[in-house]
Amino acid sequence: MLLYDHEVIIMSSKVQVNIDPELKQSAENIIKEIGLTPTAVINGMYKQIVATGKIPLSFSLTSRQRAELELREVSKKIPVREIKTKEELEEFFNED
């Protein structure tokens, strides 16, 4: 941190990591659902590590948020069926 005429200039540096793309997406979905950003979580985790000398810092979803997120993730795997005619629509609703 630098001080110039009562102004505070905060210097920052980047942390670059290699991570599995699916893990990254799943984690970012949870982070977003909580209302945070990946940067906020990483900064918070680093501050907690320094303050306590321990890992990890824990943020969590409510049970309902977790269930909704899991439902969205599972629904992405369900095949989409295009219905173009009235007959196809009736057939769709008459399936077991």
PDB file of N, CA and C in Angstrom:
ATOM      1  N   MET A   1       0.856  -1.165   0.000  1.00  0.00           N
ATOM      2  CA  MET A   1       0.000   0.000   0.000  1.00  0.00           C
ATOM      3  C   MET A   1       0.905   1.231   0.000  1.00  0.00           C
ATOM      4  N   LEU A   2       0.597   2.189  -0.857  1.00  0.00           N
ATOM      5  CA  LEU A   2       1.351   3.424  -0.953  1.00  0.00           C
ATOM      6  C   LEU A   2       0.465   4.589  -0.545  1.00  0.00           C
ATOM      7  N   LEU A   3       1.053   5.584   0.088  1.00  0.00           N
ATOM      8  CA  LEU A   3       0.305   6.777   0.487  1.00  0.00           C
ATOM      9  C   LEU A   3       0.836   7.980  -0.280  1.00  0.00           C
ATOM     10  N   TYR A   4      -0.032   8.720  -0.937  1.00  0.00           N
ATOM     11  CA  TYR A   4       0.318   9.938  -1.643  1.00  0.00           C
ATOM     12  C   TYR A   4      -0.677  11.011  -1.265  1.00  0.00           C
ATOM     13  N   ASP A   5      -0.247  12.057  -0.588  1.00  0.00           N
ATOM     14  CA  ASP A   5      -1.108  13.188  -0.245  1.00  0.00           C
ATOM     15  C   ASP A   5      -2.481  12.743   0.260  1.00  0.00           C
ATOM     16  N   HIS A   6      -2.492  11.919   1.275  1.00  0.00           N
ATOM     17  CA  HIS A   6      -3.707  11.433   1.929  1.00  0.00           C
ATOM     18  C   HIS A   6      -4.548  10.509   1.047  1.00  0.00           C
ATOM     19  N   GLU A   7      -3.998  10.059  -0.058  1.00  0.00           N
ATOM     20  CA  GLU A   7      -4.695   9.085  -0.895  1.00  0.00           C
ATOM     21  C   GLU A   7      -4.058   7.725  -0.673  1.00  0.00           C
ATOM     22  N   VAL A   8      -4.849   6.705  -0.701  1.00  0.00           N
ATOM     23  CA  VAL A   8      -4.335   5.353  -0.560  1.00  0.00           C
ATOM     24  C   VAL A   8      -4.422   4.674  -1.922  1.00  0.00           C
ATOM     25  N   ILE A   9      -3.300   4.202  -2.394  1.00  0.00           N
ATOM     26  CA  ILE A   9      -3.256   3.456  -3.641  1.00  0.00           C
ATOM     27  C   ILE A   9      -2.986   2.005  -3.268  1.00  0.00           C
ATOM     28  N   ILE A  10      -3.909   1.141  -3.585  1.00  0.00           N
ATOM     29  CA  ILE A  10      -3.762  -0.259  -3.232  1.00  0.00           C
ATOM     30  C   ILE A  10      -3.154  -0.992  -4.420  1.00  0.00           C
ATOM     31  N   MET A  11      -2.030  -1.612  -4.159  1.00  0.00           N
ATOM     32  CA  MET A  11      -1.362  -2.392  -5.194  1.00  0.00           C
ATOM     33  C   MET A  11      -1.916  -3.813  -5.112  1.00  0.00           C
ATOM     34  N   SER A  12      -2.003  -4.469  -6.237  1.00  0.00           N
ATOM     35  CA  SER A  12      -2.485  -5.845  -6.226  1.00  0.00           C
ATOM     36  C   SER A  12      -1.595  -6.702  -7.110  1.00  0.00           C
ATOM     37  N   SER A  13      -1.656  -7.987  -6.879  1.00  0.00           N
ATOM     38  CA  SER A  13      -0.941  -8.921  -7.741  1.00  0.00           C
ATOM     39  C   SER A  13      -1.894 -10.045  -8.105  1.00  0.00           C
ATOM     40  N   LYS A  14      -1.570 -10.752  -9.160  1.00  0.00           N
ATOM     41  CA  LYS A  14      -2.441 -11.817  -9.648  1.00  0.00           C
ATOM     42  C   LYS A  14      -1.945 -13.167  -9.158  1.00  0.00           C
ATOM     43  N   VAL A  15      -2.891 -14.054  -8.910  1.00  0.00           N
ATOM     44  CA  VAL A  15      -2.603 -15.443  -8.591  1.00  0.00           C
ATOM     45  C   VAL A  15      -3.148 -16.260  -9.753  1.00  0.00           C
ATOM     46  N   GLN A  16      -2.310 -17.053 -10.361  1.00  0.00           N
ATOM     47  CA  GLN A  16      -2.743 -17.863 -11.496  1.00  0.00           C
ATOM     48  C   GLN A  16      -2.612 -19.330 -11.118  1.00  0.00           C
ATOM     49  N   VAL A  17      -3.684 -20.088 -11.331  1.00  0.00           N
ATOM     50  CA  VAL A  17      -3.682 -21.511 -10.997  1.00  0.00           C
ATOM     51  C   VAL A  17      -4.263 -22.314 -12.148  1.00  0.00           C
ATOM     52  N   ASN A  18      -3.894 -23.573 -12.213  1.00  0.00           N
ATOM     53  CA  ASN A  18      -4.499 -24.502 -13.167  1.00  0.00           C
ATOM     54  C   ASN A  18      -5.562 -25.285 -12.418  1.00  0.00           C
ATOM     55  N   ILE A  19      -6.758 -25.361 -12.996  1.00  0.00           N
ATOM     56  CA  ILE A  19      -7.865 -26.039 -12.336  1.00  0.00           C
ATOM     57  C   ILE A  19      -8.737 -26.723 -13.381  1.00  0.00           C
ATOM     58  N   ASP A  20      -9.308 -27.840 -13.005  1.00  0.00           N
ATOM     59  CA  ASP A  20     -10.213 -28.570 -13.880  1.00  0.00           C
ATOM     60  C   ASP A  20     -11.379 -27.660 -14.269  1.00  0.00           C
ATOM     61  N   PRO A  21     -11.701 -27.547 -15.565  1.00  0.00           N
ATOM     62  CA  PRO A  21     -12.771 -26.635 -16.000  1.00  0.00           C
ATOM     63  C   PRO A  21     -14.135 -26.917 -15.363  1.00  0.00           C
ATOM     64  N   GLU A  22     -14.486 -28.188 -15.193  1.00  0.00           N
ATOM     65  CA  GLU A  22     -15.781 -28.507 -14.582  1.00  0.00           C
ATOM     66  C   GLU A  22     -15.805 -28.118 -13.108  1.00  0.00           C
ATOM     67  N   LEU A  23     -14.700 -28.358 -12.408  1.00  0.00           N
ATOM     68  CA  LEU A  23     -14.601 -27.968 -11.004  1.00  0.00           C
ATOM     69  C   LEU A  23     -14.708 -26.456 -10.874  1.00  0.00           C
ATOM     70  N   LYS A  24     -14.013 -25.732 -11.752  1.00  0.00           N
ATOM     71  CA  LYS A  24     -14.058 -24.271 -11.747  1.00  0.00           C
ATOM     72  C   LYS A  24     -15.486 -23.774 -11.932  1.00  0.00           C
ATOM     73  N   GLN A  25     -16.191 -24.319 -12.924  1.00  0.00           N
ATOM     74  CA  GLN A  25     -17.551 -23.875 -13.204  1.00  0.00           C
ATOM     75  C   GLN A  25     -18.485 -24.178 -12.042  1.00  0.00           C
ATOM     76  N   SER A  26     -18.373 -25.373 -11.482  1.00  0.00           N
ATOM     77  CA  SER A  26     -19.228 -25.741 -10.348  1.00  0.00           C
ATOM     78  C   SER A  26     -18.973 -24.833  -9.153  1.00  0.00           C
ATOM     79  N   ALA A  27     -17.697 -24.580  -8.859  1.00  0.00           N
ATOM     80  CA  ALA A  27     -17.356 -23.706  -7.732  1.00  0.00           C
ATOM     81  C   ALA A  27     -17.842 -22.287  -7.982  1.00  0.00           C
ATOM     82  N   GLU A  28     -17.663 -21.779  -9.202  1.00  0.00           N
ATOM     83  CA  GLU A  28     -18.103 -20.419  -9.503  1.00  0.00           C
ATOM     84  C   GLU A  28     -19.619 -20.288  -9.451  1.00  0.00           C
ATOM     85  N   ASN A  29     -20.345 -21.349  -9.776  1.00  0.00           N
ATOM     86  CA  ASN A  29     -21.802 -21.321  -9.631  1.00  0.00           C
ATOM     87  C   ASN A  29     -22.192 -21.141  -8.167  1.00  0.00           C
ATOM     88  N   ILE A  30     -21.512 -21.855  -7.277  1.00  0.00           N
ATOM     89  CA  ILE A  30     -21.785 -21.735  -5.843  1.00  0.00           C
ATOM     90  C   ILE A  30     -21.399 -20.350  -5.348  1.00  0.00           C
ATOM     91  N   ILE A  31     -20.216 -19.877  -5.730  1.00  0.00           N
ATOM     92  CA  ILE A  31     -19.746 -18.550  -5.313  1.00  0.00           C
ATOM     93  C   ILE A  31     -20.739 -17.477  -5.746  1.00  0.00           C
ATOM     94  N   LYS A  32     -21.211 -17.567  -6.988  1.00  0.00           N
ATOM     95  CA  LYS A  32     -22.180 -16.597  -7.505  1.00  0.00           C
ATOM     96  C   LYS A  32     -23.493 -16.672  -6.734  1.00  0.00           C
ATOM     97  N   GLU A  33     -23.945 -17.891  -6.441  1.00  0.00           N
ATOM     98  CA  GLU A  33     -25.201 -18.081  -5.712  1.00  0.00           C
ATOM     99  C   GLU A  33     -25.124 -17.453  -4.318  1.00  0.00           C
ATOM    100  N   ILE A  34     -23.956 -17.499  -3.697  1.00  0.00           N
ATOM    101  CA  ILE A  34     -23.759 -16.884  -2.381  1.00  0.00           C
ATOM    102  C   ILE A  34     -23.733 -15.362  -2.498  1.00  0.00           C
ATOM    103  N   GLY A  35     -23.413 -14.864  -3.692  1.00  0.00           N
ATOM    104  CA  GLY A  35     -23.368 -13.418  -3.899  1.00  0.00           C
ATOM    105  C   GLY A  35     -21.967 -12.845  -3.854  1.00  0.00           C
ATOM    106  N   LEU A  36     -20.982 -13.700  -4.075  1.00  0.00           N
ATOM    107  CA  LEU A  36     -19.591 -13.254  -4.056  1.00  0.00           C
ATOM    108  C   LEU A  36     -18.970 -13.425  -5.438  1.00  0.00           C
ATOM    109  N   THR A  37     -17.705 -13.022  -5.533  1.00  0.00           N
ATOM    110  CA  THR A  37     -16.921 -13.235  -6.748  1.00  0.00           C
ATOM    111  C   THR A  37     -15.746 -14.138  -6.391  1.00  0.00           C
ATOM    112  N   PRO A  38     -15.153 -14.812  -7.385  1.00  0.00           N
ATOM    113  CA  PRO A  38     -13.968 -15.613  -7.090  1.00  0.00           C
ATOM    114  C   PRO A  38     -12.860 -14.780  -6.436  1.00  0.00           C
ATOM    115  N   THR A  39     -12.682 -13.548  -6.876  1.00  0.00           N
ATOM    116  CA  THR A  39     -11.665 -12.675  -6.287  1.00  0.00           C
ATOM    117  C   THR A  39     -11.943 -12.419  -4.812  1.00  0.00           C
ATOM    118  N   ALA A  40     -13.197 -12.145  -4.468  1.00  0.00           N
ATOM    119  CA  ALA A  40     -13.551 -11.896  -3.068  1.00  0.00           C
ATOM    120  C   ALA A  40     -13.284 -13.126  -2.209  1.00  0.00           C
ATOM    121  N   VAL A  41     -13.613 -14.309  -2.733  1.00  0.00           N
ATOM    122  CA  VAL A  41     -13.394 -15.541  -1.972  1.00  0.00           C
ATOM    123  C   VAL A  41     -11.905 -15.782  -1.754  1.00  0.00           C
ATOM    124  N   ILE A  42     -11.113 -15.615  -2.804  1.00  0.00           N
ATOM    125  CA  ILE A  42      -9.669 -15.843  -2.680  1.00  0.00           C
ATOM    126  C   ILE A  42      -9.040 -14.829  -1.734  1.00  0.00           C
ATOM    127  N   ASN A  43      -9.405 -13.547  -1.858  1.00  0.00           N
ATOM    128  CA  ASN A  43      -8.879 -12.540  -0.930  1.00  0.00           C
ATOM    129  C   ASN A  43      -9.275 -12.863   0.508  1.00  0.00           C
ATOM    130  N   GLY A  44     -10.533 -13.245   0.716  1.00  0.00           N
ATOM    131  CA  GLY A  44     -10.990 -13.606   2.053  1.00  0.00           C
ATOM    132  C   GLY A  44     -10.243 -14.802   2.601  1.00  0.00           C
ATOM    133  N   MET A  45     -10.015 -15.790   1.748  1.00  0.00           N
ATOM    134  CA  MET A  45      -9.287 -16.979   2.180  1.00  0.00           C
ATOM    135  C   MET A  45      -7.855 -16.629   2.577  1.00  0.00           C
ATOM    136  N   TYR A  46      -7.178 -15.830   1.785  1.00  0.00           N
ATOM    137  CA  TYR A  46      -5.809 -15.435   2.111  1.00  0.00           C
ATOM    138  C   TYR A  46      -5.754 -14.652   3.423  1.00  0.00           C
ATOM    139  N   LYS A  47      -6.697 -13.738   3.617  1.00  0.00           N
ATOM    140  CA  LYS A  47      -6.731 -12.964   4.862  1.00  0.00           C
ATOM    141  C   LYS A  47      -6.957 -13.877   6.061  1.00  0.00           C
ATOM    142  N   GLN A  48      -7.844 -14.852   5.915  1.00  0.00           N
ATOM    143  CA  GLN A  48      -8.119 -15.792   7.002  1.00  0.00           C
ATOM    144  C   GLN A  48      -6.901 -16.658   7.300  1.00  0.00           C
ATOM    145  N   ILE A  49      -6.195 -17.081   6.268  1.00  0.00           N
ATOM    146  CA  ILE A  49      -4.978 -17.872   6.460  1.00  0.00           C
ATOM    147  C   ILE A  49      -3.960 -17.080   7.265  1.00  0.00           C
ATOM    148  N   VAL A  50      -3.771 -15.814   6.901  1.00  0.00           N
ATOM    149  CA  VAL A  50      -2.818 -14.959   7.611  1.00  0.00           C
ATOM    150  C   VAL A  50      -3.265 -14.739   9.053  1.00  0.00           C
ATOM    151  N   ALA A  51      -4.551 -14.491   9.259  1.00  0.00           N
ATOM    152  CA  ALA A  51      -5.063 -14.192  10.600  1.00  0.00           C
ATOM    153  C   ALA A  51      -5.022 -15.400  11.531  1.00  0.00           C
ATOM    154  N   THR A  52      -5.297 -16.590  11.000  1.00  0.00           N
ATOM    155  CA  THR A  52      -5.425 -17.764  11.867  1.00  0.00           C
ATOM    156  C   THR A  52      -4.307 -18.781  11.720  1.00  0.00           C
ATOM    157  N   GLY A  53      -3.576 -18.685  10.630  1.00  0.00           N
ATOM    158  CA  GLY A  53      -2.562 -19.698  10.362  1.00  0.00           C
ATOM    159  C   GLY A  53      -3.174 -21.030   9.963  1.00  0.00           C
ATOM    160  N   LYS A  54      -4.458 -21.010   9.583  1.00  0.00           N
ATOM    161  CA  LYS A  54      -5.170 -22.242   9.232  1.00  0.00           C
ATOM    162  C   LYS A  54      -5.850 -22.122   7.869  1.00  0.00           C
ATOM    163  N   ILE A  55      -6.092 -23.282   7.269  1.00  0.00           N
ATOM    164  CA  ILE A  55      -6.834 -23.392   6.020  1.00  0.00           C
ATOM    165  C   ILE A  55      -7.949 -24.407   6.277  1.00  0.00           C
ATOM    166  N   PRO A  56      -9.115 -24.284   5.778  1.00  0.00           N
ATOM    167  CA  PRO A  56      -9.640 -23.332   4.822  1.00  0.00           C
ATOM    168  C   PRO A  56     -10.606 -22.347   5.460  1.00  0.00           C
ATOM    169  N   LEU A  57     -11.016 -21.401   4.676  1.00  0.00           N
ATOM    170  CA  LEU A  57     -12.092 -20.477   5.013  1.00  0.00           C
ATOM    171  C   LEU A  57     -13.359 -21.071   4.417  1.00  0.00           C
ATOM    172  N   SER A  58     -14.449 -21.042   5.136  1.00  0.00           N
ATOM    173  CA  SER A  58     -15.660 -21.715   4.663  1.00  0.00           C
ATOM    174  C   SER A  58     -16.797 -20.739   4.403  1.00  0.00           C
ATOM    175  N   PHE A  59     -17.297 -20.730   3.176  1.00  0.00           N
ATOM    176  CA  PHE A  59     -18.540 -20.056   2.810  1.00  0.00           C
ATOM    177  C   PHE A  59     -19.486 -21.187   2.433  1.00  0.00           C
ATOM    178  N   SER A  60     -20.758 -21.045   2.674  1.00  0.00           N
ATOM    179  CA  SER A  60     -21.642 -22.142   2.298  1.00  0.00           C
ATOM    180  C   SER A  60     -23.012 -21.643   1.861  1.00  0.00           C
ATOM    181  N   LEU A  61     -23.667 -22.481   1.075  1.00  0.00           N
ATOM    182  CA  LEU A  61     -25.029 -22.212   0.647  1.00  0.00           C
ATOM    183  C   LEU A  61     -25.992 -22.717   1.711  1.00  0.00           C
ATOM    184  N   THR A  62     -27.192 -22.149   1.727  1.00  0.00           N
ATOM    185  CA  THR A  62     -28.241 -22.717   2.562  1.00  0.00           C
ATOM    186  C   THR A  62     -28.655 -24.043   1.930  1.00  0.00           C
ATOM    187  N   SER A  63     -29.367 -24.863   2.670  1.00  0.00           N
ATOM    188  CA  SER A  63     -29.832 -26.146   2.129  1.00  0.00           C
ATOM    189  C   SER A  63     -30.687 -25.933   0.889  1.00  0.00           C
ATOM    190  N   ARG A  64     -31.540 -24.927   0.930  1.00  0.00           N
ATOM    191  CA  ARG A  64     -32.410 -24.650  -0.216  1.00  0.00           C
ATOM    192  C   ARG A  64     -31.596 -24.204  -1.429  1.00  0.00           C
ATOM    193  N   GLN A  65     -30.621 -23.303  -1.219  1.00  0.00           N
ATOM    194  CA  GLN A  65     -29.794 -22.841  -2.333  1.00  0.00           C
ATOM    195  C   GLN A  65     -29.029 -24.012  -2.947  1.00  0.00           C
ATOM    196  N   ARG A  66     -28.517 -24.896  -2.106  1.00  0.00           N
ATOM    197  CA  ARG A  66     -27.769 -26.058  -2.584  1.00  0.00           C
ATOM    198  C   ARG A  66     -28.685 -26.967  -3.415  1.00  0.00           C
ATOM    199  N   ALA A  67     -29.897 -27.202  -2.921  1.00  0.00           N
ATOM    200  CA  ALA A  67     -30.851 -28.049  -3.642  1.00  0.00           C
ATOM    201  C   ALA A  67     -31.209 -27.436  -4.995  1.00  0.00           C
ATOM    202  N   GLU A  68     -31.436 -26.114  -5.020  1.00  0.00           N
ATOM    203  CA  GLU A  68     -31.766 -25.443  -6.279  1.00  0.00           C
ATOM    204  C   GLU A  68     -30.607 -25.526  -7.264  1.00  0.00           C
ATOM    205  N   LEU A  69     -29.394 -25.337  -6.765  1.00  0.00           N
ATOM    206  CA  LEU A  69     -28.217 -25.411  -7.620  1.00  0.00           C
ATOM    207  C   LEU A  69     -28.041 -26.827  -8.172  1.00  0.00           C
ATOM    208  N   GLU A  70     -28.213 -27.831  -7.330  1.00  0.00           N
ATOM    209  CA  GLU A  70     -28.093 -29.214  -7.783  1.00  0.00           C
ATOM    210  C   GLU A  70     -29.165 -29.541  -8.822  1.00  0.00           C
ATOM    211  N   LEU A  71     -30.376 -29.030  -8.620  1.00  0.00           N
ATOM    212  CA  LEU A  71     -31.453 -29.248  -9.585  1.00  0.00           C
ATOM    213  C   LEU A  71     -31.101 -28.635 -10.940  1.00  0.00           C
ATOM    214  N   ARG A  72     -30.544 -27.420 -10.925  1.00  0.00           N
ATOM    215  CA  ARG A  72     -30.131 -26.783 -12.185  1.00  0.00           C
ATOM    216  C   ARG A  72     -29.032 -27.591 -12.869  1.00  0.00           C
ATOM    217  N   GLU A  73     -28.054 -28.078 -12.088  1.00  0.00           N
ATOM    218  CA  GLU A  73     -26.953 -28.852 -12.659  1.00  0.00           C
ATOM    219  C   GLU A  73     -27.473 -30.149 -13.286  1.00  0.00           C
ATOM    220  N   VAL A  74     -28.362 -30.837 -12.586  1.00  0.00           N
ATOM    221  CA  VAL A  74     -28.920 -32.089 -13.095  1.00  0.00           C
ATOM    222  C   VAL A  74     -29.779 -31.835 -14.327  1.00  0.00           C
ATOM    223  N   SER A  75     -30.551 -30.758 -14.312  1.00  0.00           N
ATOM    224  CA  SER A  75     -31.442 -30.477 -15.443  1.00  0.00           C
ATOM    225  C   SER A  75     -30.665 -30.191 -16.727  1.00  0.00           C
ATOM    226  N   LYS A  76     -29.426 -29.755 -16.612  1.00  0.00           N
ATOM    227  CA  LYS A  76     -28.601 -29.517 -17.803  1.00  0.00           C
ATOM    228  C   LYS A  76     -28.291 -30.821 -18.532  1.00  0.00           C
ATOM    229  N   LYS A  77     -28.349 -31.937 -17.812  1.00  0.00           N
ATOM    230  CA  LYS A  77     -28.000 -33.232 -18.394  1.00  0.00           C
ATOM    231  C   LYS A  77     -29.200 -33.935 -19.030  1.00  0.00           C
ATOM    232  N   ILE A  78     -30.388 -33.391 -18.837  1.00  0.00           N
ATOM    233  CA  ILE A  78     -31.590 -33.998 -19.401  1.00  0.00           C
ATOM    234  C   ILE A  78     -31.675 -33.637 -20.886  1.00  0.00           C
ATOM    235  N   PRO A  79     -31.853 -34.640 -21.749  1.00  0.00           N
ATOM    236  CA  PRO A  79     -31.951 -34.337 -23.179  1.00  0.00           C
ATOM    237  C   PRO A  79     -33.171 -33.459 -23.482  1.00  0.00           C
ATOM    238  N   VAL A  80     -32.995 -32.580 -24.428  1.00  0.00           N
ATOM    239  CA  VAL A  80     -34.081 -31.696 -24.850  1.00  0.00           C
ATOM    240  C   VAL A  80     -34.778 -32.348 -26.036  1.00  0.00           C
ATOM    241  N   ARG A  81     -36.082 -32.352 -25.978  1.00  0.00           N
ATOM    242  CA  ARG A  81     -36.869 -32.938 -27.068  1.00  0.00           C
ATOM    243  C   ARG A  81     -37.671 -31.827 -27.723  1.00  0.00           C
ATOM    244  N   GLU A  82     -37.473 -31.669 -29.011  1.00  0.00           N
ATOM    245  CA  GLU A  82     -38.200 -30.639 -29.748  1.00  0.00           C
ATOM    246  C   GLU A  82     -39.547 -31.189 -30.205  1.00  0.00           C
ATOM    247  N   ILE A  83     -40.588 -30.446 -29.904  1.00  0.00           N
ATOM    248  CA  ILE A  83     -41.946 -30.840 -30.281  1.00  0.00           C
ATOM    249  C   ILE A  83     -42.445 -29.832 -31.306  1.00  0.00           C
ATOM    250  N   LYS A  84     -42.806 -30.343 -32.501  1.00  0.00           N
ATOM    251  CA  LYS A  84     -43.182 -29.454 -33.603  1.00  0.00           C
ATOM    252  C   LYS A  84     -44.663 -29.523 -33.963  1.00  0.00           C
ATOM    253  N   THR A  85     -45.294 -30.614 -33.604  1.00  0.00           N
ATOM    254  CA  THR A  85     -46.697 -30.769 -34.007  1.00  0.00           C
ATOM    255  C   THR A  85     -47.576 -31.054 -32.799  1.00  0.00           C
ATOM    256  N   LYS A  86     -48.879 -30.896 -33.017  1.00  0.00           N
ATOM    257  CA  LYS A  86     -49.848 -31.190 -31.960  1.00  0.00           C
ATOM    258  C   LYS A  86     -49.778 -32.672 -31.587  1.00  0.00           C
ATOM    259  N   GLU A  87     -49.593 -33.529 -32.579  1.00  0.00           N
ATOM    260  CA  GLU A  87     -49.506 -34.969 -32.340  1.00  0.00           C
ATOM    261  C   GLU A  87     -48.295 -35.302 -31.470  1.00  0.00           C
ATOM    262  N   GLU A  88     -47.169 -34.668 -31.753  1.00  0.00           N
ATOM    263  CA  GLU A  88     -45.967 -34.894 -30.943  1.00  0.00           C
ATOM    264  C   GLU A  88     -46.179 -34.423 -29.509  1.00  0.00           C
ATOM    265  N   LEU A  89     -46.913 -33.337 -29.350  1.00  0.00           N
ATOM    266  CA  LEU A  89     -47.214 -32.825 -28.012  1.00  0.00           C
ATOM    267  C   LEU A  89     -48.100 -33.809 -27.252  1.00  0.00           C
ATOM    268  N   GLU A  90     -49.122 -34.309 -27.904  1.00  0.00           N
ATOM    269  CA  GLU A  90     -50.007 -35.286 -27.268  1.00  0.00           C
ATOM    270  C   GLU A  90     -49.242 -36.557 -26.912  1.00  0.00           C
ATOM    271  N   GLU A  91     -48.392 -37.003 -27.815  1.00  0.00           N
ATOM    272  CA  GLU A  91     -47.579 -38.195 -27.565  1.00  0.00           C
ATOM    273  C   GLU A  91     -46.663 -37.978 -26.358  1.00  0.00           C
ATOM    274  N   PHE A  92     -46.094 -36.800 -26.270  1.00  0.00           N
ATOM    275  CA  PHE A  92     -45.202 -36.471 -25.154  1.00  0.00           C
ATOM    276  C   PHE A  92     -45.938 -36.595 -23.820  1.00  0.00           C
ATOM    277  N   PHE A  93     -47.141 -36.052 -23.741  1.00  0.00           N
ATOM    278  CA  PHE A  93     -47.891 -36.074 -22.487  1.00  0.00           C
ATOM    279  C   PHE A  93     -48.508 -37.436 -22.190  1.00  0.00           C
ATOM    280  N   ASN A  94     -48.625 -38.289 -23.181  1.00  0.00           N
ATOM    281  CA  ASN A  94     -49.192 -39.618 -22.969  1.00  0.00           C
ATOM    282  C   ASN A  94     -48.138 -40.672 -22.653  1.00  0.00           C
ATOM    283  N   GLU A  95     -46.852 -40.299 -22.695  1.00  0.00           N
ATOM    284  CA  GLU A  95     -45.788 -41.248 -22.363  1.00  0.00           C
ATOM    285  C   GLU A  95     -45.798 -41.528 -20.867  1.00  0.00           C
ATOM    286  N   ASP A  96     -45.358 -42.729 -20.506  1.00  0.00           N
ATOM    287  CA  ASP A  96     -45.303 -43.095 -19.081  1.00  0.00           C
ATOM    288  C   ASP A  96     -44.167 -42.418 -18.385  1.00  0.00           C
TER     289      ASP A  96
END
